[in-house]
Protein backbone atom coordinates (compact mmCIF):
# COMPACT_ATOMS: atom_id res chain seq x y z
CA UNK A 1 2.06 0.39 -40.89
CA UNK A 2 4.57 1.93 -38.43
CA UNK A 3 1.81 4.09 -36.95
CA UNK A 4 -0.57 1.15 -36.80
CA UNK A 5 2.00 -0.94 -34.93
CA UNK A 6 2.68 2.04 -32.62
CA UNK A 7 -0.97 1.99 -31.57
CA UNK A 8 -0.49 -1.58 -30.37
CA UNK A 9 2.35 -0.80 -27.97
CA UNK A 10 1.78 0.19 -24.38
CA UNK A 11 5.03 1.04 -22.61
CA UNK A 12 6.54 1.93 -19.26
CA UNK A 13 9.59 4.11 -18.70
CA UNK A 14 12.06 5.32 -16.09
CA UNK A 15 12.03 8.68 -14.31
CA UNK A 16 9.55 11.06 -12.69
CA UNK A 17 9.05 13.21 -15.78
CA UNK A 18 8.26 12.15 -19.34
CA UNK A 19 11.61 11.36 -20.97
CA UNK A 20 12.19 13.17 -24.28
CA UNK A 21 12.68 9.86 -26.03
CA UNK A 22 9.21 8.68 -24.93
CA UNK A 23 7.64 12.01 -25.88
CA UNK A 24 9.27 11.71 -29.33
CA UNK A 25 7.94 8.18 -29.82
CA UNK A 26 4.45 9.28 -28.82
CA UNK A 27 4.66 12.21 -31.23
CA UNK A 28 5.76 10.00 -34.08
CA UNK A 29 2.96 7.51 -33.41
CA UNK A 30 5.42 4.74 -32.46
CA UNK A 31 3.73 4.24 -29.02
CA UNK A 32 0.03 4.33 -28.33
CA UNK A 33 -0.14 4.35 -24.57
CA UNK A 34 1.97 4.48 -21.41
CA UNK A 35 1.77 3.07 -17.88
CA UNK A 36 2.86 4.74 -14.67
CA UNK A 37 4.60 2.85 -11.84
CA UNK A 38 5.88 3.71 -8.39
CA UNK A 39 9.27 4.48 -9.99
CA UNK A 40 7.67 7.33 -11.87
CA UNK A 41 6.28 9.06 -8.75
CA UNK A 42 7.98 11.77 -6.66
CA UNK A 43 7.82 10.35 -3.14
CA UNK A 44 8.54 11.97 0.17
CA UNK A 45 8.54 10.45 3.69
CA UNK A 46 5.25 10.87 5.51
CA UNK A 47 3.88 9.87 8.92
CA UNK A 48 2.54 6.57 7.55
CA UNK A 49 5.16 5.83 4.84
CA UNK A 50 6.03 7.46 1.56
CA UNK A 51 3.62 10.04 0.16
CA UNK A 52 3.15 10.92 -3.49
CA UNK A 53 3.65 14.44 -4.87
CA UNK A 54 0.27 14.71 -6.68
CA UNK A 55 1.22 17.92 -8.51
CA UNK A 56 4.26 16.17 -10.04
CA UNK A 57 2.16 13.18 -11.00
CA UNK A 58 -0.51 15.31 -12.66
CA UNK A 59 2.22 17.24 -14.52
CA UNK A 60 3.80 13.96 -15.71
CA UNK A 61 0.46 12.75 -17.05
CA UNK A 62 -0.33 16.04 -18.70
CA UNK A 63 3.06 15.94 -20.48
CA UNK A 64 2.43 12.44 -21.73
CA UNK A 65 -1.00 13.43 -23.10
CA UNK A 66 0.35 16.51 -24.81
CA UNK A 67 3.09 14.56 -26.56
CA UNK A 68 0.58 12.54 -28.59
CA UNK A 69 -0.31 13.70 -32.10
CA UNK A 70 -3.58 15.47 -32.62
CA UNK A 71 -6.45 13.15 -33.35
CA UNK A 72 -4.79 10.11 -31.80
CA UNK A 73 -4.80 10.42 -28.00
CA UNK A 74 -2.33 8.47 -25.94
CA UNK A 75 -3.85 6.59 -23.03
CA UNK A 76 -2.16 6.46 -19.64
CA UNK A 77 -2.76 3.49 -17.36
CA UNK A 78 -1.95 2.50 -13.75
CA UNK A 79 -2.30 -0.59 -11.59
CA UNK A 80 -4.66 0.70 -8.91
CA UNK A 81 -6.37 -2.32 -7.37
CA UNK A 82 -6.14 -1.64 -3.61
CA UNK A 83 -4.04 -3.44 -1.04
CA UNK A 84 -0.53 -4.25 -2.13
CA UNK A 85 -1.16 -3.31 -5.73
CA UNK A 86 -1.86 0.45 -5.82
CA UNK A 87 0.73 2.77 -7.19
CA UNK A 88 -0.86 6.09 -6.13
CA UNK A 89 -1.04 6.31 -2.32
CA UNK A 90 -1.39 9.08 0.28
CA UNK A 91 -2.38 11.83 0.14
CA UNK A 92 -4.64 10.08 -2.33
CA UNK A 93 -7.08 7.53 -0.74
CA UNK A 94 -5.37 4.31 0.26
CA UNK A 95 -7.66 1.38 -0.41
CA UNK A 96 -7.64 -2.07 1.25
CA UNK A 97 -7.16 -5.23 -0.81
CA UNK A 98 -10.31 -6.41 -2.62
CA UNK A 99 -10.47 -9.53 -0.39
CA UNK A 100 -11.90 -7.06 2.18
CA UNK A 101 -15.31 -7.53 0.52
CA UNK A 102 -15.37 -11.06 1.98
CA UNK A 103 -17.50 -10.40 5.08
CA UNK A 104 -20.25 -8.68 3.18
CA UNK A 105 -23.46 -10.24 1.86
CA UNK A 106 -23.43 -10.15 -1.90
CA UNK A 107 -25.94 -7.35 -2.45
CA UNK A 108 -24.16 -5.15 0.06
CA UNK A 109 -20.74 -6.03 -1.45
CA UNK A 110 -21.95 -5.07 -4.93
CA UNK A 111 -23.31 -1.74 -3.77
CA UNK A 112 -20.11 -0.95 -1.89
CA UNK A 113 -17.97 -2.08 -4.74
CA UNK A 114 -19.69 0.30 -7.10
CA UNK A 115 -19.06 3.17 -4.60
CA UNK A 116 -15.41 2.23 -4.19
CA UNK A 117 -14.90 1.91 -7.96
CA UNK A 118 -16.52 5.33 -8.54
CA UNK A 119 -14.37 6.97 -5.87
CA UNK A 120 -11.14 5.37 -7.09
CA UNK A 121 -11.98 6.18 -10.70
CA UNK A 122 -12.66 9.79 -9.87
CA UNK A 123 -9.29 10.18 -8.13
CA UNK A 124 -7.42 8.56 -11.01
CA UNK A 125 -9.23 10.66 -13.62
CA UNK A 126 -8.52 13.83 -11.65
CA UNK A 127 -4.79 12.94 -11.81
CA UNK A 128 -4.89 12.41 -15.62
CA UNK A 129 -5.19 8.67 -15.90
CA UNK A 130 -7.40 7.04 -18.56
CA UNK A 131 -7.28 3.33 -17.74
CA UNK A 132 -7.08 1.32 -14.52
CA UNK A 133 -5.70 -2.20 -14.89
CA UNK A 134 -8.40 -3.51 -12.60
CA UNK A 135 -10.54 -5.34 -11.47
CA UNK A 136 -8.85 -8.66 -10.86
CA UNK A 137 -11.20 -11.38 -12.21
CA UNK A 138 -9.06 -14.26 -10.97
CA UNK A 139 -10.70 -16.72 -8.55
CA UNK A 140 -8.72 -17.26 -5.38
CA UNK A 141 -8.81 -21.05 -5.43
CA UNK A 142 -5.25 -21.73 -4.35
CA UNK A 143 -4.13 -20.50 -0.90
CA UNK A 144 -0.50 -21.06 -1.94
CA UNK A 145 -0.77 -18.75 -4.97
CA UNK A 146 2.19 -16.28 -4.64
CA UNK A 147 0.87 -13.53 -6.85
CA UNK A 148 -2.93 -13.27 -6.57
CA UNK A 149 -4.13 -14.04 -2.99
CA UNK A 150 -5.96 -11.13 -1.42
CA UNK A 151 -5.98 -9.25 -4.76
CA UNK A 152 -8.92 -11.50 -5.70
CA UNK A 153 -12.45 -10.62 -4.57
CA UNK A 154 -13.32 -14.18 -3.54
CA UNK A 155 -12.75 -17.91 -4.03
CA UNK A 156 -16.31 -18.27 -5.36
CA UNK A 157 -16.36 -17.57 -9.13
CA UNK A 158 -19.92 -16.20 -9.19
CA UNK A 159 -19.15 -13.86 -6.28
CA UNK A 160 -15.92 -12.74 -8.00
CA UNK A 161 -17.89 -11.93 -11.11
CA UNK A 162 -20.63 -10.02 -9.37
CA UNK A 163 -18.44 -7.85 -7.10
CA UNK A 164 -15.69 -7.25 -9.66
CA UNK A 165 -18.14 -6.12 -12.31
CA UNK A 166 -19.90 -3.81 -9.86
CA UNK A 167 -16.48 -2.33 -9.02
CA UNK A 168 -15.79 -1.95 -12.78
CA UNK A 169 -19.10 -0.19 -13.26
CA UNK A 170 -18.03 2.36 -10.67
CA UNK A 171 -14.59 2.81 -12.27
CA UNK A 172 -16.15 3.31 -15.72
CA UNK A 173 -17.83 6.51 -14.55
CA UNK A 174 -14.44 8.15 -14.85
CA UNK A 175 -11.78 5.75 -16.34
CA UNK A 176 -11.69 2.57 -18.43
CA UNK A 177 -11.53 -0.57 -16.36
CA UNK A 178 -9.39 -3.50 -17.63
CA UNK A 179 -10.23 -6.93 -16.12
CA UNK A 180 -7.40 -9.41 -15.59
CA UNK A 181 -5.84 -12.06 -16.05
CA UNK A 182 -7.64 -14.08 -18.71
CA UNK A 183 -8.33 -16.99 -18.51
CA UNK A 184 -7.43 -17.00 -14.80
CA UNK A 185 -4.26 -16.78 -12.68
CA UNK A 186 -5.91 -17.71 -9.38
CA UNK A 187 -4.93 -21.37 -9.12
CA UNK A 188 -1.25 -21.08 -10.04
CA UNK A 189 1.47 -22.01 -7.55
CA UNK A 190 4.09 -19.88 -9.31
CA UNK A 191 4.36 -16.26 -10.40
CA UNK A 192 4.51 -15.39 -14.07
CA UNK A 193 6.78 -12.43 -13.25
CA UNK A 194 9.43 -15.07 -12.44
CA UNK A 195 8.53 -18.24 -14.38
CA UNK A 196 5.91 -19.79 -16.65
CA UNK A 197 2.94 -21.17 -14.62
CA UNK A 198 0.89 -24.09 -15.84
CA UNK A 199 -2.66 -25.13 -14.95
CA UNK A 200 -3.57 -28.78 -15.69
CA UNK A 201 -7.24 -28.79 -14.79
CA UNK A 202 -9.58 -30.33 -17.32
CA UNK A 203 -11.80 -28.15 -19.44
CA UNK A 204 -14.93 -28.72 -17.39
CA UNK A 205 -13.21 -27.38 -14.29
CA UNK A 206 -12.00 -24.28 -16.24
CA UNK A 207 -15.56 -23.70 -17.43
CA UNK A 208 -16.99 -24.03 -13.91
CA UNK A 209 -14.40 -21.91 -12.06
CA UNK A 210 -11.76 -19.93 -13.93
CA UNK A 211 -13.79 -18.82 -16.90
CA UNK A 212 -16.94 -17.76 -14.99
CA UNK A 213 -15.90 -14.15 -14.22
CA UNK A 214 -14.60 -13.67 -17.76
CA UNK A 215 -17.83 -15.00 -19.22
CA UNK A 216 -19.75 -12.49 -17.12
CA UNK A 217 -17.36 -9.76 -18.13
CA UNK A 218 -17.96 -10.50 -21.81
CA UNK A 219 -21.70 -10.50 -21.31
CA UNK A 220 -21.48 -7.18 -19.41
CA UNK A 221 -19.35 -5.54 -22.13
CA UNK A 222 -16.26 -4.81 -20.06
CA UNK A 223 -14.16 -2.66 -22.39
CA UNK A 224 -10.76 -4.28 -21.85
CA UNK A 225 -9.28 -7.57 -20.69
CA UNK A 226 -5.65 -8.44 -19.94
CA UNK A 227 -4.25 -11.90 -20.69
CA UNK A 228 -2.27 -14.23 -18.41
CA UNK A 229 1.12 -15.70 -19.18
CA UNK A 230 -0.12 -19.13 -18.00
CA UNK A 231 -0.30 -22.43 -19.89
CA UNK A 232 -3.83 -23.86 -19.69
CA UNK A 233 -3.10 -27.41 -20.81
CA UNK A 234 -6.76 -28.39 -21.52
CA UNK A 235 -6.91 -25.63 -24.19
CA UNK A 236 -3.32 -25.33 -25.38
CA UNK A 237 -0.66 -27.50 -23.77
CA UNK A 238 2.28 -25.72 -25.47
CA UNK A 239 1.74 -21.94 -25.35
CA UNK A 240 0.90 -19.52 -22.56
CA UNK A 241 -2.53 -17.94 -23.00
CA UNK A 242 -1.14 -14.62 -24.26
CA UNK A 243 0.43 -16.37 -27.25
CA UNK A 244 -2.35 -18.92 -27.91
CA UNK A 245 -4.83 -18.50 -30.74
CA UNK A 246 -6.86 -21.34 -29.17
CA UNK A 247 -7.20 -19.40 -25.95
CA UNK A 248 -7.55 -15.77 -27.09
CA UNK A 249 -9.44 -16.22 -30.37
CA UNK A 250 -10.92 -19.66 -29.84
CA UNK A 251 -12.24 -19.27 -26.27
CA UNK A 252 -12.38 -15.55 -25.53
CA UNK A 253 -13.58 -14.25 -28.89
CA UNK A 254 -15.51 -17.19 -30.37
CA UNK A 255 -16.84 -19.06 -27.30
CA UNK A 256 -17.28 -16.21 -24.79
CA UNK A 257 -18.15 -13.68 -27.52
CA UNK A 258 -15.93 -10.97 -25.98
CA UNK A 259 -15.97 -7.77 -28.07
CA UNK A 260 -13.72 -5.43 -26.08
CA UNK A 261 -9.98 -4.83 -26.43
CA UNK A 262 -7.51 -7.51 -25.43
CA UNK A 263 -4.14 -6.46 -24.05
CA UNK A 264 -1.27 -8.73 -23.15
CA UNK A 265 0.21 -8.84 -19.67
CA UNK A 266 3.72 -7.42 -19.54
CA UNK A 267 6.00 -9.07 -22.14
CA UNK A 268 8.98 -8.22 -19.97
CA UNK A 269 7.96 -10.93 -17.50
CA UNK A 270 10.27 -13.94 -17.20
CA UNK A 271 7.37 -16.27 -18.24
CA UNK A 272 7.86 -14.70 -21.69
CA UNK A 273 11.49 -13.53 -21.83
CA UNK A 274 12.97 -16.81 -20.61
CA UNK A 275 10.82 -19.08 -22.79
CA UNK A 276 10.11 -17.44 -26.17
CA UNK A 277 11.71 -13.97 -26.14
CA UNK A 278 10.05 -10.61 -26.58
CA UNK A 279 10.35 -10.40 -30.41
CA UNK A 280 8.65 -13.75 -30.97
CA UNK A 281 6.09 -13.09 -28.26
CA UNK A 282 5.09 -9.75 -29.78
CA UNK A 283 4.33 -11.30 -33.12
CA UNK A 284 2.65 -14.41 -31.70
CA UNK A 285 0.48 -12.34 -29.31
CA UNK A 286 -0.95 -10.35 -32.23
CA UNK A 287 -1.46 -13.58 -34.23
CA UNK A 288 -3.26 -15.10 -31.23
CA UNK A 289 -5.72 -12.15 -31.06
CA UNK A 290 -4.18 -9.60 -28.69
CA UNK A 291 -4.64 -5.99 -29.82
CA UNK A 292 -2.26 -4.19 -27.50
CA UNK A 293 1.06 -5.32 -26.06
CA UNK A 294 2.26 -4.27 -22.63
CA UNK A 295 6.03 -3.67 -22.28
CA UNK A 296 6.55 -2.13 -18.91
CA UNK A 297 10.25 -1.46 -18.41
CA UNK A 298 12.94 -2.58 -20.83
CA UNK A 299 13.39 0.03 -23.59
CA UNK A 300 15.43 -2.40 -25.69
CA UNK A 301 12.50 -4.86 -25.54
CA UNK A 302 10.15 -2.15 -26.66
CA UNK A 303 12.19 -1.28 -29.72
CA UNK A 304 12.73 -5.00 -30.45
CA UNK A 305 9.01 -5.78 -30.33
CA UNK A 306 8.24 -2.81 -32.61
CA UNK A 307 10.85 -3.78 -35.23
CA UNK A 308 9.85 -7.49 -35.03
CA UNK A 309 6.27 -6.59 -35.78
CA UNK A 310 7.25 -4.40 -38.71
CA UNK A 311 9.38 -7.15 -40.22
CA UNK A 312 6.73 -9.84 -39.73
CA UNK A 313 3.91 -7.65 -41.03
CA UNK A 314 5.89 -6.77 -44.12
CA UNK A 315 6.49 -10.45 -44.80
CA UNK A 316 3.04 -11.75 -43.95
CA UNK A 317 -0.16 -10.28 -45.38
CA UNK A 318 -2.38 -12.12 -42.89
CA UNK A 319 -0.47 -10.59 -39.94
CA UNK A 320 -0.49 -7.20 -41.68
CA UNK A 321 -4.28 -7.41 -41.83
CA UNK A 322 -4.41 -8.29 -38.13
CA UNK A 323 -2.23 -5.30 -37.29
CA UNK A 324 -4.40 -2.98 -39.36
CA UNK A 325 -7.60 -4.27 -37.81
CA UNK A 326 -6.24 -4.07 -34.28
CA UNK A 327 -5.01 -0.54 -34.76
CA UNK A 328 -8.43 0.52 -36.11
CA UNK A 329 -10.15 -0.97 -33.07
CA UNK A 330 -7.73 0.77 -30.73
CA UNK A 331 -8.34 4.11 -32.43
CA UNK A 332 -12.12 3.52 -32.33
CA UNK A 333 -12.00 2.80 -28.60
CA UNK A 334 -9.88 5.94 -28.05
CA UNK A 335 -12.31 8.13 -30.03
CA UNK A 336 -15.27 6.73 -28.07
CA UNK A 337 -13.44 7.36 -24.77
CA UNK A 338 -12.57 10.93 -25.86
CA UNK A 339 -16.26 11.52 -26.58
CA UNK A 340 -17.13 10.21 -23.12
CA UNK A 341 -14.58 12.56 -21.56
CA UNK A 342 -16.04 15.53 -23.40
CA UNK A 343 -19.45 14.80 -21.89
CA UNK A 344 -18.08 13.92 -18.43
CA UNK A 345 -15.64 16.55 -17.38
CA UNK A 346 -12.53 15.40 -15.48
CA UNK A 347 -13.15 15.66 -11.69
CA UNK A 348 -11.47 18.51 -9.86
CA UNK A 349 -8.17 17.74 -8.09
CA UNK A 350 -9.92 18.35 -4.76
CA UNK A 351 -11.55 14.96 -5.15
CA UNK A 352 -8.23 13.18 -4.55
CA UNK A 353 -8.04 11.94 -1.00
CA UNK A 354 -11.33 13.63 0.00
CA UNK A 355 -12.59 12.63 3.44
CA UNK A 356 -15.69 10.86 2.10
CA UNK A 357 -13.40 8.54 0.08
CA UNK A 358 -11.21 7.85 3.14
CA UNK A 359 -14.27 7.04 5.16
CA UNK A 360 -15.36 4.60 2.42
CA UNK A 361 -11.92 2.91 2.49
CA UNK A 362 -12.08 2.60 6.31
CA UNK A 363 -15.57 1.15 6.15
CA UNK A 364 -14.45 -1.41 3.61
CA UNK A 365 -11.37 -2.36 5.71
CA UNK A 366 -13.50 -2.70 8.82
CA UNK A 367 -16.03 -4.97 7.14
CA UNK A 368 -19.01 -3.00 8.11
């Protein structure tokens, strides 16, 4: 049970090398995956801002991979969207925000998005990453949204779906894409990092706008989706989507027929910590249908979530069955990904920041 629960936890950490405590938790099977942030990079001043020491980053990722027990690889993820959300910057390719696809006709945008996704995925894979928490599937329907904005591909849900999935197809040549934030964070006026947003649109509006890209993602077989810490009143007026069985199981699994992995957004966010607490949230997210839980920073929260899940699973056979099933699915996805990596060798480090990729980024930014 402890190893099963470990497979459900995806953690962040402090420092530019893999801390011994994190390596030990990976080795014991108490953690199944990690995420790298800017705070984990060795940065030096460059002519256009801080530059990343790519050798140090590759060494960090290699150390994290090596710490995992044989037969159960540990995934490493990063938020690499483009624009203001990209952790790995120069001398790697620096990508514009995904709103830059706006001027392109749809067929041209889809073609370019596949090329951008392929290039970005190759650079991430060459540095040792397994998963990119992208593309954003949110529809930019609220100009006052403080957290999505130009991270979204468009304000048209069908266009978001088409371009984002083309981008995901490119990424999947080298890393696993993870769409976000189900069932849609695009029309909030608050940021779930800071408070609990609420969307009061009726169900028909959600079906016609917010859910369109996620329906297409389910149909396309996108391997992973991340939830939103947002209350969707028409579906569940009390709980944020991450903790809602009606949203995750009822809508995503049963109505949209999604068959990939479901990961929570960061349970360290104020939308969770200030309203329900990490321990309750970890248990309720698994009950709702999440299969992996993201805990990006607070080590005390990571341990608290782990122990809360153990206590709850020991006391509740239904939850224990959910944990067992979720861990089995995570391991199956990891095995399938490992097979893919055996057939598709990791790109050489020389691909990172190559001129052709920089030209592609400039072309996208220029809208031509």
